[in-house]
N, C-alpha and C. Protein backbone atom coordinates (compact mmCIF):
# COMPACT_ATOMS: atom_id res chain seq x y z
N MET A 1 9.67 -0.71 -17.36
CA MET A 1 9.57 0.61 -17.96
C MET A 1 8.11 1.05 -17.95
N THR A 2 7.93 2.32 -17.76
CA THR A 2 6.59 2.89 -17.76
C THR A 2 6.54 4.02 -18.77
N PRO A 3 5.65 3.94 -19.77
CA PRO A 3 5.56 5.05 -20.72
C PRO A 3 5.00 6.29 -20.03
N LEU A 4 5.53 7.45 -20.41
CA LEU A 4 5.10 8.70 -19.81
C LEU A 4 4.49 9.61 -20.87
N THR A 5 3.42 10.29 -20.52
CA THR A 5 2.84 11.27 -21.42
C THR A 5 3.70 12.53 -21.39
N ARG A 6 3.48 13.42 -22.32
CA ARG A 6 4.23 14.69 -22.32
C ARG A 6 3.97 15.49 -21.05
N ALA A 7 2.71 15.49 -20.62
CA ALA A 7 2.36 16.24 -19.40
C ALA A 7 3.09 15.66 -18.18
N THR A 8 3.15 14.32 -18.10
CA THR A 8 3.85 13.69 -16.99
C THR A 8 5.33 14.01 -17.04
N SER A 9 5.93 13.93 -18.22
CA SER A 9 7.35 14.27 -18.39
C SER A 9 7.63 15.70 -17.96
N ALA A 10 6.76 16.62 -18.34
CA ALA A 10 6.94 18.02 -17.96
C ALA A 10 6.84 18.18 -16.44
N THR A 11 5.90 17.49 -15.83
CA THR A 11 5.74 17.56 -14.38
C THR A 11 6.98 17.00 -13.67
N ILE A 12 7.52 15.91 -14.18
CA ILE A 12 8.72 15.32 -13.58
C ILE A 12 9.91 16.27 -13.72
N ARG A 13 10.03 16.93 -14.84
CA ARG A 13 11.13 17.90 -15.02
C ARG A 13 11.03 19.02 -13.98
N VAL A 14 9.82 19.51 -13.77
CA VAL A 14 9.62 20.56 -12.76
C VAL A 14 9.98 20.03 -11.38
N TRP A 15 9.54 18.81 -11.07
CA TRP A 15 9.84 18.19 -9.78
C TRP A 15 11.35 18.05 -9.58
N LEU A 16 12.06 17.60 -10.61
CA LEU A 16 13.51 17.43 -10.50
C LEU A 16 14.19 18.77 -10.22
N ALA A 17 13.74 19.82 -10.87
CA ALA A 17 14.33 21.15 -10.63
C ALA A 17 13.98 21.64 -9.23
N GLU A 18 12.78 21.35 -8.78
CA GLU A 18 12.31 21.84 -7.49
C GLU A 18 13.02 21.15 -6.32
N ARG A 19 13.23 19.83 -6.43
CA ARG A 19 13.81 19.09 -5.30
C ARG A 19 15.30 19.34 -5.14
N GLN A 20 15.98 19.80 -6.19
CA GLN A 20 17.40 20.15 -6.16
C GLN A 20 18.28 19.01 -5.63
N GLY A 21 17.95 17.80 -6.01
CA GLY A 21 18.74 16.65 -5.59
C GLY A 21 19.81 16.32 -6.60
N SER A 22 20.63 15.34 -6.24
CA SER A 22 21.66 14.89 -7.17
C SER A 22 21.06 13.85 -8.11
N ALA A 23 21.81 13.53 -9.14
CA ALA A 23 21.33 12.56 -10.14
C ALA A 23 21.14 11.17 -9.53
N ASP A 24 21.84 10.89 -8.43
CA ASP A 24 21.74 9.57 -7.78
C ASP A 24 20.56 9.46 -6.83
N ASP A 25 19.92 10.58 -6.51
CA ASP A 25 18.78 10.55 -5.59
C ASP A 25 17.58 9.89 -6.25
N PRO A 26 16.77 9.16 -5.46
CA PRO A 26 15.57 8.55 -6.04
C PRO A 26 14.58 9.62 -6.50
N LEU A 27 13.87 9.32 -7.56
CA LEU A 27 12.90 10.27 -8.10
C LEU A 27 11.77 10.51 -7.10
N PHE A 28 11.26 9.44 -6.50
CA PHE A 28 10.21 9.54 -5.51
C PHE A 28 10.70 8.85 -4.24
N PRO A 29 11.33 9.59 -3.34
CA PRO A 29 11.90 8.98 -2.14
C PRO A 29 10.85 8.68 -1.07
N THR A 30 11.23 7.81 -0.17
CA THR A 30 10.39 7.55 1.01
C THR A 30 10.53 8.73 1.96
N SER A 31 9.84 8.68 3.07
CA SER A 31 9.94 9.78 4.04
C SER A 31 11.33 9.91 4.63
N THR A 32 12.13 8.84 4.54
CA THR A 32 13.51 8.90 5.04
C THR A 32 14.52 9.21 3.94
N GLY A 33 14.03 9.47 2.72
CA GLY A 33 14.91 9.84 1.62
C GLY A 33 15.44 8.67 0.81
N ARG A 34 15.04 7.46 1.16
CA ARG A 34 15.51 6.27 0.44
C ARG A 34 14.61 5.98 -0.76
N GLN A 35 15.10 5.08 -1.60
CA GLN A 35 14.34 4.65 -2.77
C GLN A 35 13.17 3.77 -2.33
N LEU A 36 12.02 3.95 -2.97
CA LEU A 36 10.87 3.09 -2.69
C LEU A 36 11.21 1.65 -3.06
N SER A 37 10.84 0.71 -2.21
CA SER A 37 11.01 -0.70 -2.56
C SER A 37 9.81 -1.14 -3.38
N ARG A 38 9.92 -2.27 -4.04
CA ARG A 38 8.78 -2.79 -4.78
C ARG A 38 7.61 -3.06 -3.85
N ASP A 39 7.93 -3.59 -2.64
CA ASP A 39 6.87 -3.87 -1.67
C ASP A 39 6.13 -2.59 -1.32
N THR A 40 6.91 -1.57 -0.95
CA THR A 40 6.29 -0.28 -0.58
C THR A 40 5.45 0.26 -1.73
N ALA A 41 5.99 0.20 -2.95
CA ALA A 41 5.27 0.72 -4.10
C ALA A 41 3.97 -0.05 -4.31
N ALA A 42 4.02 -1.37 -4.19
CA ALA A 42 2.83 -2.19 -4.41
C ALA A 42 1.76 -1.87 -3.37
N ILE A 43 2.15 -1.73 -2.12
CA ILE A 43 1.17 -1.44 -1.08
C ILE A 43 0.58 -0.06 -1.27
N ARG A 44 1.39 0.92 -1.68
CA ARG A 44 0.85 2.26 -1.94
C ARG A 44 -0.13 2.23 -3.11
N LEU A 45 0.17 1.43 -4.13
CA LEU A 45 -0.74 1.29 -5.25
C LEU A 45 -2.06 0.65 -4.81
N LEU A 46 -1.96 -0.37 -3.95
CA LEU A 46 -3.17 -0.99 -3.42
C LEU A 46 -4.01 0.02 -2.65
N HIS A 47 -3.36 0.84 -1.83
CA HIS A 47 -4.09 1.85 -1.06
C HIS A 47 -4.76 2.87 -1.98
N ALA A 48 -4.16 3.09 -3.15
CA ALA A 48 -4.75 4.04 -4.09
C ALA A 48 -5.87 3.42 -4.91
N GLY A 49 -6.12 2.11 -4.69
CA GLY A 49 -7.23 1.45 -5.38
C GLY A 49 -6.87 0.83 -6.72
N VAL A 50 -5.57 0.69 -7.00
CA VAL A 50 -5.15 0.09 -8.27
C VAL A 50 -5.38 -1.42 -8.18
N ASP A 51 -5.94 -1.99 -9.22
CA ASP A 51 -6.24 -3.42 -9.27
C ASP A 51 -4.95 -4.24 -9.20
N THR A 52 -5.01 -5.40 -8.53
CA THR A 52 -3.82 -6.22 -8.36
C THR A 52 -3.26 -6.74 -9.68
N SER A 53 -4.11 -6.95 -10.68
CA SER A 53 -3.60 -7.42 -11.97
C SER A 53 -2.74 -6.34 -12.63
N VAL A 54 -3.11 -5.08 -12.44
CA VAL A 54 -2.30 -3.97 -12.99
C VAL A 54 -0.97 -3.88 -12.24
N ILE A 55 -1.02 -4.04 -10.91
CA ILE A 55 0.21 -4.01 -10.11
C ILE A 55 1.13 -5.15 -10.53
N ALA A 56 0.56 -6.33 -10.75
CA ALA A 56 1.36 -7.47 -11.17
C ALA A 56 2.09 -7.19 -12.48
N LEU A 57 1.38 -6.62 -13.44
CA LEU A 57 2.00 -6.28 -14.72
C LEU A 57 3.08 -5.23 -14.56
N TRP A 58 2.79 -4.23 -13.74
CA TRP A 58 3.70 -3.10 -13.54
C TRP A 58 5.01 -3.54 -12.88
N LEU A 59 4.90 -4.48 -11.92
CA LEU A 59 6.08 -4.95 -11.21
C LEU A 59 6.77 -6.11 -11.90
N GLY A 60 6.19 -6.57 -13.02
CA GLY A 60 6.81 -7.65 -13.77
C GLY A 60 6.56 -9.03 -13.21
N HIS A 61 5.48 -9.19 -12.45
CA HIS A 61 5.14 -10.51 -11.92
C HIS A 61 4.63 -11.40 -13.04
N ALA A 62 4.95 -12.67 -12.96
CA ALA A 62 4.50 -13.62 -13.97
C ALA A 62 3.00 -13.84 -13.90
N SER A 63 2.44 -13.64 -12.73
CA SER A 63 1.01 -13.90 -12.53
C SER A 63 0.46 -12.94 -11.48
N PRO A 64 -0.81 -12.52 -11.63
CA PRO A 64 -1.42 -11.67 -10.59
C PRO A 64 -1.46 -12.35 -9.23
N THR A 65 -1.44 -13.69 -9.19
CA THR A 65 -1.46 -14.38 -7.90
C THR A 65 -0.21 -14.09 -7.09
N THR A 66 0.90 -13.77 -7.76
CA THR A 66 2.13 -13.40 -7.06
C THR A 66 1.92 -12.13 -6.25
N THR A 67 1.06 -11.26 -6.74
CA THR A 67 0.80 -9.98 -6.08
C THR A 67 0.01 -10.18 -4.78
N GLN A 68 -0.54 -11.36 -4.59
CA GLN A 68 -1.32 -11.68 -3.39
C GLN A 68 -0.50 -11.46 -2.12
N ILE A 69 0.82 -11.60 -2.18
CA ILE A 69 1.64 -11.43 -0.97
C ILE A 69 1.49 -10.02 -0.40
N TYR A 70 1.26 -9.03 -1.27
CA TYR A 70 1.08 -7.67 -0.78
C TYR A 70 -0.25 -7.51 -0.06
N LEU A 71 -1.27 -8.20 -0.55
CA LEU A 71 -2.56 -8.17 0.12
C LEU A 71 -2.47 -8.84 1.49
N ASP A 72 -1.74 -9.96 1.55
CA ASP A 72 -1.58 -10.67 2.81
C ASP A 72 -0.81 -9.84 3.83
N ALA A 73 0.13 -9.03 3.36
CA ALA A 73 0.98 -8.25 4.26
C ALA A 73 0.36 -6.94 4.71
N ASP A 74 -0.72 -6.51 4.09
CA ASP A 74 -1.26 -5.18 4.34
C ASP A 74 -2.41 -5.20 5.34
N LEU A 75 -2.10 -4.94 6.60
CA LEU A 75 -3.12 -4.97 7.65
C LEU A 75 -4.11 -3.83 7.51
N GLU A 76 -3.67 -2.67 7.05
CA GLU A 76 -4.58 -1.53 6.88
C GLU A 76 -5.65 -1.85 5.85
N LEU A 77 -5.25 -2.50 4.75
CA LEU A 77 -6.21 -2.87 3.71
C LEU A 77 -7.22 -3.88 4.26
N LYS A 78 -6.74 -4.81 5.08
CA LYS A 78 -7.64 -5.79 5.70
C LYS A 78 -8.64 -5.10 6.63
N GLN A 79 -8.15 -4.14 7.41
CA GLN A 79 -9.04 -3.45 8.33
C GLN A 79 -10.12 -2.67 7.58
N ARG A 80 -9.75 -2.03 6.48
CA ARG A 80 -10.74 -1.29 5.69
C ARG A 80 -11.79 -2.24 5.13
N ALA A 81 -11.37 -3.43 4.69
CA ALA A 81 -12.32 -4.41 4.18
C ALA A 81 -13.27 -4.85 5.28
N LEU A 82 -12.74 -5.09 6.47
CA LEU A 82 -13.59 -5.48 7.60
C LEU A 82 -14.55 -4.36 7.98
N ASP A 83 -14.08 -3.12 7.93
CA ASP A 83 -14.94 -1.99 8.27
C ASP A 83 -16.13 -1.88 7.32
N ARG A 84 -15.95 -2.30 6.07
CA ARG A 84 -17.04 -2.23 5.10
C ARG A 84 -18.09 -3.30 5.33
N THR A 85 -17.78 -4.30 6.15
CA THR A 85 -18.72 -5.39 6.39
C THR A 85 -19.60 -5.16 7.60
N ALA A 86 -19.46 -4.01 8.24
CA ALA A 86 -20.27 -3.71 9.42
C ALA A 86 -21.75 -3.63 9.03
N THR A 87 -22.59 -4.09 9.92
CA THR A 87 -24.03 -4.01 9.67
C THR A 87 -24.46 -2.55 9.71
N PRO A 88 -25.59 -2.22 9.05
CA PRO A 88 -26.03 -0.82 9.01
C PRO A 88 -26.22 -0.20 10.39
N ASP A 89 -26.64 -1.00 11.37
CA ASP A 89 -26.86 -0.45 12.71
C ASP A 89 -25.64 -0.63 13.62
N GLY A 90 -24.59 -1.26 13.10
CA GLY A 90 -23.38 -1.47 13.89
C GLY A 90 -22.33 -0.43 13.55
N LYS A 91 -21.25 -0.44 14.29
CA LYS A 91 -20.17 0.49 13.99
C LYS A 91 -18.90 -0.31 13.72
N PRO A 92 -18.09 0.15 12.78
CA PRO A 92 -16.85 -0.58 12.47
C PRO A 92 -15.87 -0.49 13.63
N GLY A 93 -15.00 -1.45 13.70
CA GLY A 93 -13.97 -1.45 14.74
C GLY A 93 -13.52 -2.86 15.04
N ARG A 94 -12.54 -2.96 15.89
CA ARG A 94 -12.00 -4.27 16.25
C ARG A 94 -12.77 -4.86 17.43
N TYR A 95 -12.83 -6.17 17.45
CA TYR A 95 -13.48 -6.88 18.55
C TYR A 95 -12.63 -6.74 19.81
N GLN A 96 -13.27 -6.40 20.90
CA GLN A 96 -12.61 -6.32 22.20
C GLN A 96 -13.23 -7.39 23.10
N ALA A 97 -12.42 -8.38 23.43
CA ALA A 97 -12.94 -9.45 24.27
C ALA A 97 -13.20 -8.93 25.68
N PRO A 98 -14.26 -9.44 26.31
CA PRO A 98 -14.52 -9.02 27.69
C PRO A 98 -13.39 -9.49 28.61
N ASP A 99 -13.22 -8.79 29.71
CA ASP A 99 -12.14 -9.12 30.64
C ASP A 99 -12.23 -10.55 31.14
N ARG A 100 -13.45 -11.06 31.33
CA ARG A 100 -13.62 -12.45 31.79
C ARG A 100 -13.00 -13.43 30.81
N LEU A 101 -13.22 -13.21 29.52
CA LEU A 101 -12.67 -14.09 28.51
C LEU A 101 -11.15 -14.00 28.49
N LEU A 102 -10.61 -12.81 28.55
CA LEU A 102 -9.16 -12.65 28.56
C LEU A 102 -8.53 -13.30 29.80
N ALA A 103 -9.17 -13.15 30.94
CA ALA A 103 -8.67 -13.77 32.17
C ALA A 103 -8.67 -15.29 32.03
N PHE A 104 -9.72 -15.83 31.45
CA PHE A 104 -9.81 -17.27 31.23
C PHE A 104 -8.68 -17.75 30.31
N LEU A 105 -8.48 -17.05 29.21
CA LEU A 105 -7.45 -17.45 28.24
C LEU A 105 -6.04 -17.34 28.84
N GLU A 106 -5.81 -16.29 29.62
CA GLU A 106 -4.50 -16.13 30.23
C GLU A 106 -4.23 -17.19 31.30
N ALA A 107 -5.28 -17.74 31.88
CA ALA A 107 -5.12 -18.77 32.91
C ALA A 107 -4.81 -20.14 32.32
N LEU A 108 -4.98 -20.31 31.05
CA LEU A 108 -4.73 -21.62 30.42
C LEU A 108 -3.27 -22.00 30.45
């Protein structure tokens, strides 16, 4: 359960009237109209910068370490972390092996 402020409740009422869905429709659907899964919700929260301990509490995890699976599964989050480690004179991006190295590895 998540407590809602009056302002949030009012916004949700407006949203429900605006979307004109049935009572069985998810409140916040995915792009395909389905209900958000816990995994999807956790990854979206991570992308929004919510701390993993808060996500763990929100999803009912016994420990914040359980939430680590979402960090492990999120390649976009990993790429952003790697991009932040670029040197001041370097540019972020993925390593591209030279063709010689790839040819050598493929020949193994």
